[in-house]
Amino acid sequence: MKDLQLDFFDVPSPCRGVCKADARGYCQGCFRTRDERFGWLDLSNSEKQRVIKLCLQREKRRKAPPKEKKEQSDSENKQPSLLDFKPEQFICTSVDEDDFNDFEL
């Protein structure tokens, strides 16, 4: 019933008179896309309400403080390089006589 009552009244345009697109294509004033701005008169009232909700979400995201990136130490997350391989770290170079006692040709 709530939606039926709203159909009696036309949903006003959220235009704020700025009419300048940002880098993502949203209006800097009302946060509508180009298609939402130019097709506003052809939208039904329920579609207009949906566009206004999207605009409010876009504005909220735009005005939100930037998320802080989690600082990670380089040593914890750095992938070892195959080019930095140091054999003495991984290979035992000492040879004992016992290493070849069971070896036969």
PDB file of N, CA and C in Angstrom:
ATOM      1  N   MET A   1       0.806  -1.203   0.000  1.00  0.00           N
ATOM      2  CA  MET A   1       0.000   0.000   0.000  1.00  0.00           C
ATOM      3  C   MET A   1       0.850   1.268   0.000  1.00  0.00           C
ATOM      4  N   LYS A   2       1.992   1.198   0.648  1.00  0.00           N
ATOM      5  CA  LYS A   2       2.841   2.371   0.751  1.00  0.00           C
ATOM      6  C   LYS A   2       3.270   2.860  -0.633  1.00  0.00           C
ATOM      7  N   ASP A   3       3.644   1.920  -1.525  1.00  0.00           N
ATOM      8  CA  ASP A   3       4.080   2.308  -2.863  1.00  0.00           C
ATOM      9  C   ASP A   3       2.939   2.889  -3.690  1.00  0.00           C
ATOM     10  N   LEU A   4       1.720   2.407  -3.475  1.00  0.00           N
ATOM     11  CA  LEU A   4       0.592   2.917  -4.232  1.00  0.00           C
ATOM     12  C   LEU A   4       0.299   4.371  -3.894  1.00  0.00           C
ATOM     13  N   GLN A   5       0.461   4.733  -2.637  1.00  0.00           N
ATOM     14  CA  GLN A   5       0.201   6.109  -2.236  1.00  0.00           C
ATOM     15  C   GLN A   5       1.227   7.064  -2.852  1.00  0.00           C
ATOM     16  N   LEU A   6       2.451   6.611  -2.978  1.00  0.00           N
ATOM     17  CA  LEU A   6       3.485   7.471  -3.520  1.00  0.00           C
ATOM     18  C   LEU A   6       3.288   7.737  -5.011  1.00  0.00           C
ATOM     19  N   ASP A   7       2.551   6.887  -5.704  1.00  0.00           N
ATOM     20  CA  ASP A   7       2.311   7.093  -7.128  1.00  0.00           C
ATOM     21  C   ASP A   7       1.416   8.300  -7.403  1.00  0.00           C
ATOM     22  N   PHE A   8       0.708   8.788  -6.399  1.00  0.00           N
ATOM     23  CA  PHE A   8      -0.139   9.957  -6.590  1.00  0.00           C
ATOM     24  C   PHE A   8       0.688  11.227  -6.730  1.00  0.00           C
ATOM     25  N   PHE A   9       1.901  11.220  -6.169  1.00  0.00           N
ATOM     26  CA  PHE A   9       2.749  12.408  -6.174  1.00  0.00           C
ATOM     27  C   PHE A   9       3.967  12.147  -7.038  1.00  0.00           C
ATOM     28  N   ASP A  10       4.314  13.119  -7.836  1.00  0.00           N
ATOM     29  CA  ASP A  10       5.490  12.988  -8.677  1.00  0.00           C
ATOM     30  C   ASP A  10       6.750  13.144  -7.821  1.00  0.00           C
ATOM     31  N   VAL A  11       7.736  12.308  -8.067  1.00  0.00           N
ATOM     32  CA  VAL A  11       8.991  12.359  -7.326  1.00  0.00           C
ATOM     33  C   VAL A  11       9.839  13.479  -7.930  1.00  0.00           C
ATOM     34  N   PRO A  12      10.232  14.452  -7.122  1.00  0.00           N
ATOM     35  CA  PRO A  12      11.022  15.565  -7.666  1.00  0.00           C
ATOM     36  C   PRO A  12      12.435  15.128  -8.029  1.00  0.00           C
ATOM     37  N   SER A  13      13.010  15.836  -8.964  1.00  0.00           N
ATOM     38  CA  SER A  13      14.375  15.551  -9.396  1.00  0.00           C
ATOM     39  C   SER A  13      15.356  15.895  -8.276  1.00  0.00           C
ATOM     40  N   PRO A  14      16.385  15.066  -8.077  1.00  0.00           N
ATOM     41  CA  PRO A  14      17.379  15.364  -7.036  1.00  0.00           C
ATOM     42  C   PRO A  14      18.439  16.364  -7.500  1.00  0.00           C
ATOM     43  N   CYS A  15      18.242  16.965  -8.665  1.00  0.00           N
ATOM     44  CA  CYS A  15      19.221  17.895  -9.235  1.00  0.00           C
ATOM     45  C   CYS A  15      19.504  19.038  -8.265  1.00  0.00           C
ATOM     46  N   ARG A  16      20.798  19.360  -8.126  1.00  0.00           N
ATOM     47  CA  ARG A  16      21.218  20.445  -7.241  1.00  0.00           C
ATOM     48  C   ARG A  16      21.811  21.605  -8.038  1.00  0.00           C
ATOM     49  N   GLY A  17      21.684  21.540  -9.359  1.00  0.00           N
ATOM     50  CA  GLY A  17      22.121  22.634 -10.204  1.00  0.00           C
ATOM     51  C   GLY A  17      23.617  22.674 -10.477  1.00  0.00           C
ATOM     52  N   VAL A  18      24.349  21.616 -10.147  1.00  0.00           N
ATOM     53  CA  VAL A  18      25.794  21.588 -10.405  1.00  0.00           C
ATOM     54  C   VAL A  18      26.048  21.086 -11.820  1.00  0.00           C
ATOM     55  N   CYS A  19      25.449  19.986 -12.189  1.00  0.00           N
ATOM     56  CA  CYS A  19      25.492  19.422 -13.545  1.00  0.00           C
ATOM     57  C   CYS A  19      26.904  19.335 -14.129  1.00  0.00           C
ATOM     58  N   LYS A  20      27.794  18.756 -13.381  1.00  0.00           N
ATOM     59  CA  LYS A  20      29.165  18.551 -13.835  1.00  0.00           C
ATOM     60  C   LYS A  20      29.557  17.126 -13.449  1.00  0.00           C
ATOM     61  N   ALA A  21      30.027  16.350 -14.423  1.00  0.00           N
ATOM     62  CA  ALA A  21      30.353  14.944 -14.183  1.00  0.00           C
ATOM     63  C   ALA A  21      31.761  14.806 -13.612  1.00  0.00           C
ATOM     64  N   ASP A  22      31.919  13.838 -12.723  1.00  0.00           N
ATOM     65  CA  ASP A  22      33.241  13.544 -12.185  1.00  0.00           C
ATOM     66  C   ASP A  22      33.931  12.497 -13.057  1.00  0.00           C
ATOM     67  N   ALA A  23      35.067  12.015 -12.621  1.00  0.00           N
ATOM     68  CA  ALA A  23      35.845  11.062 -13.414  1.00  0.00           C
ATOM     69  C   ALA A  23      35.111   9.736 -13.622  1.00  0.00           C
ATOM     70  N   ARG A  24      34.227   9.379 -12.727  1.00  0.00           N
ATOM     71  CA  ARG A  24      33.482   8.117 -12.851  1.00  0.00           C
ATOM     72  C   ARG A  24      32.181   8.280 -13.622  1.00  0.00           C
ATOM     73  N   GLY A  25      31.844   9.511 -13.999  1.00  0.00           N
ATOM     74  CA  GLY A  25      30.638   9.747 -14.782  1.00  0.00           C
ATOM     75  C   GLY A  25      29.427  10.133 -13.963  1.00  0.00           C
ATOM     76  N   TYR A  26      29.586  10.285 -12.648  1.00  0.00           N
ATOM     77  CA  TYR A  26      28.476  10.697 -11.792  1.00  0.00           C
ATOM     78  C   TYR A  26      28.437  12.219 -11.710  1.00  0.00           C
ATOM     79  N   CYS A  27      27.235  12.764 -11.657  1.00  0.00           N
ATOM     80  CA  CYS A  27      27.077  14.199 -11.476  1.00  0.00           C
ATOM     81  C   CYS A  27      27.636  14.574 -10.101  1.00  0.00           C
ATOM     82  N   GLN A  28      28.401  15.651 -10.039  1.00  0.00           N
ATOM     83  CA  GLN A  28      28.995  16.061  -8.769  1.00  0.00           C
ATOM     84  C   GLN A  28      27.973  16.665  -7.813  1.00  0.00           C
ATOM     85  N   GLY A  29      26.813  17.030  -8.324  1.00  0.00           N
ATOM     86  CA  GLY A  29      25.774  17.600  -7.478  1.00  0.00           C
ATOM     87  C   GLY A  29      24.815  16.566  -6.935  1.00  0.00           C
ATOM     88  N   CYS A  30      24.227  15.779  -7.835  1.00  0.00           N
ATOM     89  CA  CYS A  30      23.180  14.840  -7.412  1.00  0.00           C
ATOM     90  C   CYS A  30      23.619  13.377  -7.449  1.00  0.00           C
ATOM     91  N   PHE A  31      24.788  13.103  -8.010  1.00  0.00           N
ATOM     92  CA  PHE A  31      25.375  11.759  -8.061  1.00  0.00           C
ATOM     93  C   PHE A  31      24.608  10.796  -8.968  1.00  0.00           C
ATOM     94  N   ARG A  32      23.875  11.327  -9.951  1.00  0.00           N
ATOM     95  CA  ARG A  32      23.222  10.468 -10.934  1.00  0.00           C
ATOM     96  C   ARG A  32      24.161  10.231 -12.107  1.00  0.00           C
ATOM     97  N   THR A  33      23.937   9.104 -12.796  1.00  0.00           N
ATOM     98  CA  THR A  33      24.684   8.829 -14.018  1.00  0.00           C
ATOM     99  C   THR A  33      24.078   9.654 -15.144  1.00  0.00           C
ATOM    100  N   ARG A  34      24.754   9.657 -16.264  1.00  0.00           N
ATOM    101  CA  ARG A  34      24.250  10.399 -17.433  1.00  0.00           C
ATOM    102  C   ARG A  34      22.875   9.873 -17.851  1.00  0.00           C
ATOM    103  N   ASP A  35      22.731   8.552 -17.912  1.00  0.00           N
ATOM    104  CA  ASP A  35      21.450   7.956 -18.314  1.00  0.00           C
ATOM    105  C   ASP A  35      20.345   8.292 -17.312  1.00  0.00           C
ATOM    106  N   GLU A  36      20.695   8.301 -16.026  1.00  0.00           N
ATOM    107  CA  GLU A  36      19.692   8.631 -15.005  1.00  0.00           C
ATOM    108  C   GLU A  36      19.260  10.093 -15.107  1.00  0.00           C
ATOM    109  N   ARG A  37      20.193  10.970 -15.463  1.00  0.00           N
ATOM    110  CA  ARG A  37      19.851  12.400 -15.604  1.00  0.00           C
ATOM    111  C   ARG A  37      18.988  12.644 -16.830  1.00  0.00           C
ATOM    112  N   PHE A  38      19.421  12.114 -17.978  1.00  0.00           N
ATOM    113  CA  PHE A  38      18.699  12.396 -19.224  1.00  0.00           C
ATOM    114  C   PHE A  38      17.391  11.620 -19.343  1.00  0.00           C
ATOM    115  N   GLY A  39      17.267  10.487 -18.665  1.00  0.00           N
ATOM    116  CA  GLY A  39      16.043   9.701 -18.750  1.00  0.00           C
ATOM    117  C   GLY A  39      15.111   9.898 -17.577  1.00  0.00           C
ATOM    118  N   TRP A  40      15.364  10.917 -16.754  1.00  0.00           N
ATOM    119  CA  TRP A  40      14.586  11.114 -15.526  1.00  0.00           C
ATOM    120  C   TRP A  40      13.090  11.238 -15.800  1.00  0.00           C
ATOM    121  N   LEU A  41      12.684  11.961 -16.802  1.00  0.00           N
ATOM    122  CA  LEU A  41      11.260  12.177 -17.076  1.00  0.00           C
ATOM    123  C   LEU A  41      10.566  10.909 -17.568  1.00  0.00           C
ATOM    124  N   ASP A  42      11.322   9.964 -18.114  1.00  0.00           N
ATOM    125  CA  ASP A  42      10.736   8.721 -18.619  1.00  0.00           C
ATOM    126  C   ASP A  42      10.623   7.641 -17.544  1.00  0.00           C
ATOM    127  N   LEU A  43      11.215   7.862 -16.376  1.00  0.00           N
ATOM    128  CA  LEU A  43      11.201   6.853 -15.305  1.00  0.00           C
ATOM    129  C   LEU A  43       9.874   6.884 -14.554  1.00  0.00           C
ATOM    130  N   SER A  44       9.459   5.719 -14.071  1.00  0.00           N
ATOM    131  CA  SER A  44       8.286   5.667 -13.205  1.00  0.00           C
ATOM    132  C   SER A  44       8.686   6.178 -11.822  1.00  0.00           C
ATOM    133  N   ASN A  45       7.702   6.432 -10.973  1.00  0.00           N
ATOM    134  CA  ASN A  45       7.999   6.946  -9.644  1.00  0.00           C
ATOM    135  C   ASN A  45       8.831   5.954  -8.823  1.00  0.00           C
ATOM    136  N   SER A  46       8.550   4.671  -8.962  1.00  0.00           N
ATOM    137  CA  SER A  46       9.333   3.676  -8.219  1.00  0.00           C
ATOM    138  C   SER A  46      10.774   3.631  -8.729  1.00  0.00           C
ATOM    139  N   GLU A  47      10.965   3.799 -10.040  1.00  0.00           N
ATOM    140  CA  GLU A  47      12.319   3.850 -10.589  1.00  0.00           C
ATOM    141  C   GLU A  47      13.051   5.106 -10.126  1.00  0.00           C
ATOM    142  N   LYS A  48      12.329   6.216 -10.052  1.00  0.00           N
ATOM    143  CA  LYS A  48      12.927   7.460  -9.562  1.00  0.00           C
ATOM    144  C   LYS A  48      13.362   7.308  -8.107  1.00  0.00           C
ATOM    145  N   GLN A  49      12.538   6.662  -7.309  1.00  0.00           N
ATOM    146  CA  GLN A  49      12.897   6.438  -5.903  1.00  0.00           C
ATOM    147  C   GLN A  49      14.134   5.546  -5.793  1.00  0.00           C
ATOM    148  N   ARG A  50      14.226   4.551  -6.660  1.00  0.00           N
ATOM    149  CA  ARG A  50      15.393   3.670  -6.654  1.00  0.00           C
ATOM    150  C   ARG A  50      16.645   4.456  -7.030  1.00  0.00           C
ATOM    151  N   VAL A  51      16.539   5.343  -8.017  1.00  0.00           N
ATOM    152  CA  VAL A  51      17.675   6.170  -8.435  1.00  0.00           C
ATOM    153  C   VAL A  51      18.095   7.089  -7.292  1.00  0.00           C
ATOM    154  N   ILE A  52      17.138   7.654  -6.574  1.00  0.00           N
ATOM    155  CA  ILE A  52      17.464   8.542  -5.451  1.00  0.00           C
ATOM    156  C   ILE A  52      18.186   7.767  -4.356  1.00  0.00           C
ATOM    157  N   LYS A  53      17.771   6.543  -4.100  1.00  0.00           N
ATOM    158  CA  LYS A  53      18.465   5.714  -3.099  1.00  0.00           C
ATOM    159  C   LYS A  53      19.902   5.427  -3.538  1.00  0.00           C
ATOM    160  N   LEU A  54      20.070   5.137  -4.828  1.00  0.00           N
ATOM    161  CA  LEU A  54      21.422   4.910  -5.342  1.00  0.00           C
ATOM    162  C   LEU A  54      22.279   6.166  -5.206  1.00  0.00           C
ATOM    163  N   CYS A  55      21.681   7.314  -5.476  1.00  0.00           N
ATOM    164  CA  CYS A  55      22.413   8.579  -5.367  1.00  0.00           C
ATOM    165  C   CYS A  55      22.850   8.840  -3.932  1.00  0.00           C
ATOM    166  N   LEU A  56      21.971   8.549  -2.975  1.00  0.00           N
ATOM    167  CA  LEU A  56      22.321   8.734  -1.569  1.00  0.00           C
ATOM    168  C   LEU A  56      23.469   7.817  -1.162  1.00  0.00           C
ATOM    169  N   GLN A  57      23.455   6.577  -1.673  1.00  0.00           N
ATOM    170  CA  GLN A  57      24.551   5.640  -1.388  1.00  0.00           C
ATOM    171  C   GLN A  57      25.857   6.137  -1.997  1.00  0.00           C
ATOM    172  N   ARG A  58      25.787   6.638  -3.215  1.00  0.00           N
ATOM    173  CA  ARG A  58      26.991   7.150  -3.885  1.00  0.00           C
ATOM    174  C   ARG A  58      27.559   8.357  -3.140  1.00  0.00           C
ATOM    175  N   GLU A  59      26.661   9.233  -2.696  1.00  0.00           N
ATOM    176  CA  GLU A  59      27.113  10.420  -1.955  1.00  0.00           C
ATOM    177  C   GLU A  59      27.756  10.015  -0.631  1.00  0.00           C
ATOM    178  N   LYS A  60      27.163   9.045   0.028  1.00  0.00           N
ATOM    179  CA  LYS A  60      27.709   8.566   1.301  1.00  0.00           C
ATOM    180  C   LYS A  60      29.107   7.982   1.105  1.00  0.00           C
ATOM    181  N   ARG A  61      29.278   7.194   0.038  1.00  0.00           N
ATOM    182  CA  ARG A  61      30.600   6.617  -0.244  1.00  0.00           C
ATOM    183  C   ARG A  61      31.614   7.713  -0.567  1.00  0.00           C
ATOM    184  N   ARG A  62      31.181   8.711  -1.316  1.00  0.00           N
ATOM    185  CA  ARG A  62      32.083   9.793  -1.715  1.00  0.00           C
ATOM    186  C   ARG A  62      32.553  10.586  -0.504  1.00  0.00           C
ATOM    187  N   LYS A  63      31.652  10.848   0.435  1.00  0.00           N
ATOM    188  CA  LYS A  63      31.984  11.670   1.593  1.00  0.00           C
ATOM    189  C   LYS A  63      32.617  10.886   2.733  1.00  0.00           C
ATOM    190  N   ALA A  64      32.638   9.572   2.630  1.00  0.00           N
ATOM    191  CA  ALA A  64      33.235   8.752   3.684  1.00  0.00           C
ATOM    192  C   ALA A  64      34.742   8.956   3.699  1.00  0.00           C
ATOM    193  N   PRO A  65      35.340   8.926   4.883  1.00  0.00           N
ATOM    194  CA  PRO A  65      36.799   9.051   4.936  1.00  0.00           C
ATOM    195  C   PRO A  65      37.442   7.844   4.265  1.00  0.00           C
ATOM    196  N   PRO A  66      38.577   8.040   3.628  1.00  0.00           N
ATOM    197  CA  PRO A  66      39.233   6.912   2.954  1.00  0.00           C
ATOM    198  C   PRO A  66      39.620   5.840   3.965  1.00  0.00           C
ATOM    199  N   LYS A  67      39.461   4.615   3.550  1.00  0.00           N
ATOM    200  CA  LYS A  67      39.799   3.494   4.422  1.00  0.00           C
ATOM    201  C   LYS A  67      41.305   3.427   4.605  1.00  0.00           C
ATOM    202  N   GLU A  68      41.712   3.188   5.829  1.00  0.00           N
ATOM    203  CA  GLU A  68      43.137   3.059   6.096  1.00  0.00           C
ATOM    204  C   GLU A  68      43.600   1.685   5.655  1.00  0.00           C
ATOM    205  N   LYS A  69      44.682   1.687   4.923  1.00  0.00           N
ATOM    206  CA  LYS A  69      45.220   0.416   4.480  1.00  0.00           C
ATOM    207  C   LYS A  69      45.973  -0.222   5.635  1.00  0.00           C
ATOM    208  N   LYS A  70      45.769  -1.489   5.796  1.00  0.00           N
ATOM    209  CA  LYS A  70      46.444  -2.218   6.857  1.00  0.00           C
ATOM    210  C   LYS A  70      47.937  -2.263   6.540  1.00  0.00           C
ATOM    211  N   GLU A  71      48.708  -1.715   7.453  1.00  0.00           N
ATOM    212  CA  GLU A  71      50.149  -1.712   7.243  1.00  0.00           C
ATOM    213  C   GLU A  71      50.701  -3.105   7.518  1.00  0.00           C
ATOM    214  N   GLN A  72      51.430  -3.605   6.571  1.00  0.00           N
ATOM    215  CA  GLN A  72      52.024  -4.923   6.696  1.00  0.00           C
ATOM    216  C   GLN A  72      53.521  -4.777   6.547  1.00  0.00           C
ATOM    217  N   SER A  73      54.215  -5.466   7.422  1.00  0.00           N
ATOM    218  CA  SER A  73      55.665  -5.375   7.323  1.00  0.00           C
ATOM    219  C   SER A  73      56.131  -6.113   6.078  1.00  0.00           C
ATOM    220  N   ASP A  74      57.163  -5.574   5.461  1.00  0.00           N
ATOM    221  CA  ASP A  74      57.672  -6.155   4.229  1.00  0.00           C
ATOM    222  C   ASP A  74      58.221  -7.555   4.449  1.00  0.00           C
ATOM    223  N   SER A  75      58.796  -7.785   5.596  1.00  0.00           N
ATOM    224  CA  SER A  75      59.407  -9.090   5.834  1.00  0.00           C
ATOM    225  C   SER A  75      58.370 -10.191   5.979  1.00  0.00           C
ATOM    226  N   GLU A  76      57.186  -9.866   6.476  1.00  0.00           N
ATOM    227  CA  GLU A  76      56.158 -10.882   6.669  1.00  0.00           C
ATOM    228  C   GLU A  76      55.545 -11.333   5.355  1.00  0.00           C
ATOM    229  N   ASN A  77      55.315 -10.414   4.454  1.00  0.00           N
ATOM    230  CA  ASN A  77      54.555 -10.720   3.248  1.00  0.00           C
ATOM    231  C   ASN A  77      55.386 -10.714   1.973  1.00  0.00           C
ATOM    232  N   LYS A  78      56.658 -10.537   2.091  1.00  0.00           N
ATOM    233  CA  LYS A  78      57.487 -10.498   0.902  1.00  0.00           C
ATOM    234  C   LYS A  78      57.763 -11.919   0.421  1.00  0.00           C
ATOM    235  N   GLN A  79      57.462 -12.155  -0.806  1.00  0.00           N
ATOM    236  CA  GLN A  79      57.703 -13.467  -1.387  1.00  0.00           C
ATOM    237  C   GLN A  79      59.182 -13.575  -1.736  1.00  0.00           C
ATOM    238  N   PRO A  80      59.811 -14.668  -1.335  1.00  0.00           N
ATOM    239  CA  PRO A  80      61.233 -14.800  -1.660  1.00  0.00           C
ATOM    240  C   PRO A  80      61.435 -14.922  -3.167  1.00  0.00           C
ATOM    241  N   SER A  81      62.501 -14.354  -3.628  1.00  0.00           N
ATOM    242  CA  SER A  81      62.809 -14.384  -5.044  1.00  0.00           C
ATOM    243  C   SER A  81      63.717 -15.563  -5.348  1.00  0.00           C
ATOM    244  N   LEU A  82      63.492 -16.191  -6.487  1.00  0.00           N
ATOM    245  CA  LEU A  82      64.363 -17.286  -6.906  1.00  0.00           C
ATOM    246  C   LEU A  82      65.729 -16.764  -7.328  1.00  0.00           C
ATOM    247  N   LEU A  83      65.788 -15.505  -7.665  1.00  0.00           N
ATOM    248  CA  LEU A  83      67.052 -14.917  -8.090  1.00  0.00           C
ATOM    249  C   LEU A  83      67.959 -14.572  -6.911  1.00  0.00           C
ATOM    250  N   ASP A  84      67.385 -14.485  -5.724  1.00  0.00           N
ATOM    251  CA  ASP A  84      68.161 -14.169  -4.531  1.00  0.00           C
ATOM    252  C   ASP A  84      68.562 -15.428  -3.768  1.00  0.00           C
ATOM    253  N   PHE A  85      68.576 -16.556  -4.424  1.00  0.00           N
ATOM    254  CA  PHE A  85      68.858 -17.841  -3.778  1.00  0.00           C
ATOM    255  C   PHE A  85      70.323 -17.914  -3.338  1.00  0.00           C
ATOM    256  N   LYS A  86      70.508 -18.253  -2.085  1.00  0.00           N
ATOM    257  CA  LYS A  86      71.856 -18.428  -1.541  1.00  0.00           C
ATOM    258  C   LYS A  86      71.979 -19.886  -1.111  1.00  0.00           C
ATOM    259  N   PRO A  87      72.738 -20.690  -1.845  1.00  0.00           N
ATOM    260  CA  PRO A  87      72.794 -22.130  -1.579  1.00  0.00           C
ATOM    261  C   PRO A  87      73.271 -22.481  -0.173  1.00  0.00           C
ATOM    262  N   GLU A  88      74.152 -21.676   0.372  1.00  0.00           N
ATOM    263  CA  GLU A  88      74.671 -22.011   1.689  1.00  0.00           C
ATOM    264  C   GLU A  88      73.604 -21.945   2.772  1.00  0.00           C
ATOM    265  N   GLN A  89      72.508 -21.275   2.489  1.00  0.00           N
ATOM    266  CA  GLN A  89      71.428 -21.215   3.461  1.00  0.00           C
ATOM    267  C   GLN A  89      70.602 -22.500   3.479  1.00  0.00           C
ATOM    268  N   PHE A  90      70.538 -23.208   2.368  1.00  0.00           N
ATOM    269  CA  PHE A  90      69.632 -24.341   2.253  1.00  0.00           C
ATOM    270  C   PHE A  90      70.321 -25.677   2.003  1.00  0.00           C
ATOM    271  N   ILE A  91      71.553 -25.646   1.514  1.00  0.00           N
ATOM    272  CA  ILE A  91      72.232 -26.881   1.139  1.00  0.00           C
ATOM    273  C   ILE A  91      73.419 -27.097   2.067  1.00  0.00           C
ATOM    274  N   CYS A  92      73.480 -28.294   2.603  1.00  0.00           N
ATOM    275  CA  CYS A  92      74.610 -28.653   3.452  1.00  0.00           C
ATOM    276  C   CYS A  92      75.790 -29.013   2.531  1.00  0.00           C
ATOM    277  N   THR A  93      76.890 -28.283   2.669  1.00  0.00           N
ATOM    278  CA  THR A  93      78.040 -28.506   1.782  1.00  0.00           C
ATOM    279  C   THR A  93      79.107 -29.387   2.406  1.00  0.00           C
ATOM    280  N   SER A  94      78.932 -29.749   3.666  1.00  0.00           N
ATOM    281  CA  SER A  94      79.931 -30.622   4.289  1.00  0.00           C
ATOM    282  C   SER A  94      79.642 -32.071   3.912  1.00  0.00           C
ATOM    283  N   VAL A  95      80.705 -32.803   3.627  1.00  0.00           N
ATOM    284  CA  VAL A  95      80.571 -34.197   3.215  1.00  0.00           C
ATOM    285  C   VAL A  95      81.336 -35.072   4.213  1.00  0.00           C
ATOM    286  N   ASP A  96      80.659 -36.077   4.695  1.00  0.00           N
ATOM    287  CA  ASP A  96      81.284 -37.049   5.593  1.00  0.00           C
ATOM    288  C   ASP A  96      81.486 -38.359   4.843  1.00  0.00           C
ATOM    289  N   GLU A  97      82.413 -39.166   5.321  1.00  0.00           N
ATOM    290  CA  GLU A  97      82.631 -40.476   4.696  1.00  0.00           C
ATOM    291  C   GLU A  97      81.423 -41.365   4.852  1.00  0.00           C
ATOM    292  N   ASP A  98      80.681 -41.166   5.920  1.00  0.00           N
ATOM    293  CA  ASP A  98      79.500 -41.997   6.167  1.00  0.00           C
ATOM    294  C   ASP A  98      78.376 -41.727   5.175  1.00  0.00           C
ATOM    295  N   ASP A  99      78.447 -40.633   4.478  1.00  0.00           N
ATOM    296  CA  ASP A  99      77.374 -40.293   3.532  1.00  0.00           C
ATOM    297  C   ASP A  99      77.349 -41.242   2.342  1.00  0.00           C
ATOM    298  N   PHE A 100      78.489 -41.866   2.025  1.00  0.00           N
ATOM    299  CA  PHE A 100      78.544 -42.713   0.828  1.00  0.00           C
ATOM    300  C   PHE A 100      78.860 -44.152   1.150  1.00  0.00           C
ATOM    301  N   ASN A 101      78.704 -44.582   2.383  1.00  0.00           N
ATOM    302  CA  ASN A 101      79.014 -45.966   2.744  1.00  0.00           C
ATOM    303  C   ASN A 101      78.122 -46.988   2.054  1.00  0.00           C
ATOM    304  N   ASP A 102      76.894 -46.661   1.814  1.00  0.00           N
ATOM    305  CA  ASP A 102      75.971 -47.608   1.189  1.00  0.00           C
ATOM    306  C   ASP A 102      75.874 -47.425  -0.315  1.00  0.00           C
ATOM    307  N   PHE A 103      76.762 -46.630  -0.883  1.00  0.00           N
ATOM    308  CA  PHE A 103      76.740 -46.346  -2.322  1.00  0.00           C
ATOM    309  C   PHE A 103      77.613 -47.324  -3.060  1.00  0.00           C
ATOM    310  N   GLU A 104      77.079 -47.957  -4.122  1.00  0.00           N
ATOM    311  CA  GLU A 104      77.844 -48.894  -4.928  1.00  0.00           C
ATOM    312  C   GLU A 104      77.694 -48.570  -6.391  1.00  0.00           C
ATOM    313  N   LEU A 105      78.747 -48.853  -7.161  1.00  0.00           N
ATOM    314  CA  LEU A 105      78.680 -48.683  -8.604  1.00  0.00           C
ATOM    315  C   LEU A 105      78.437 -49.982  -9.296  1.00  0.00           C
TER     316      LEU A 105
END
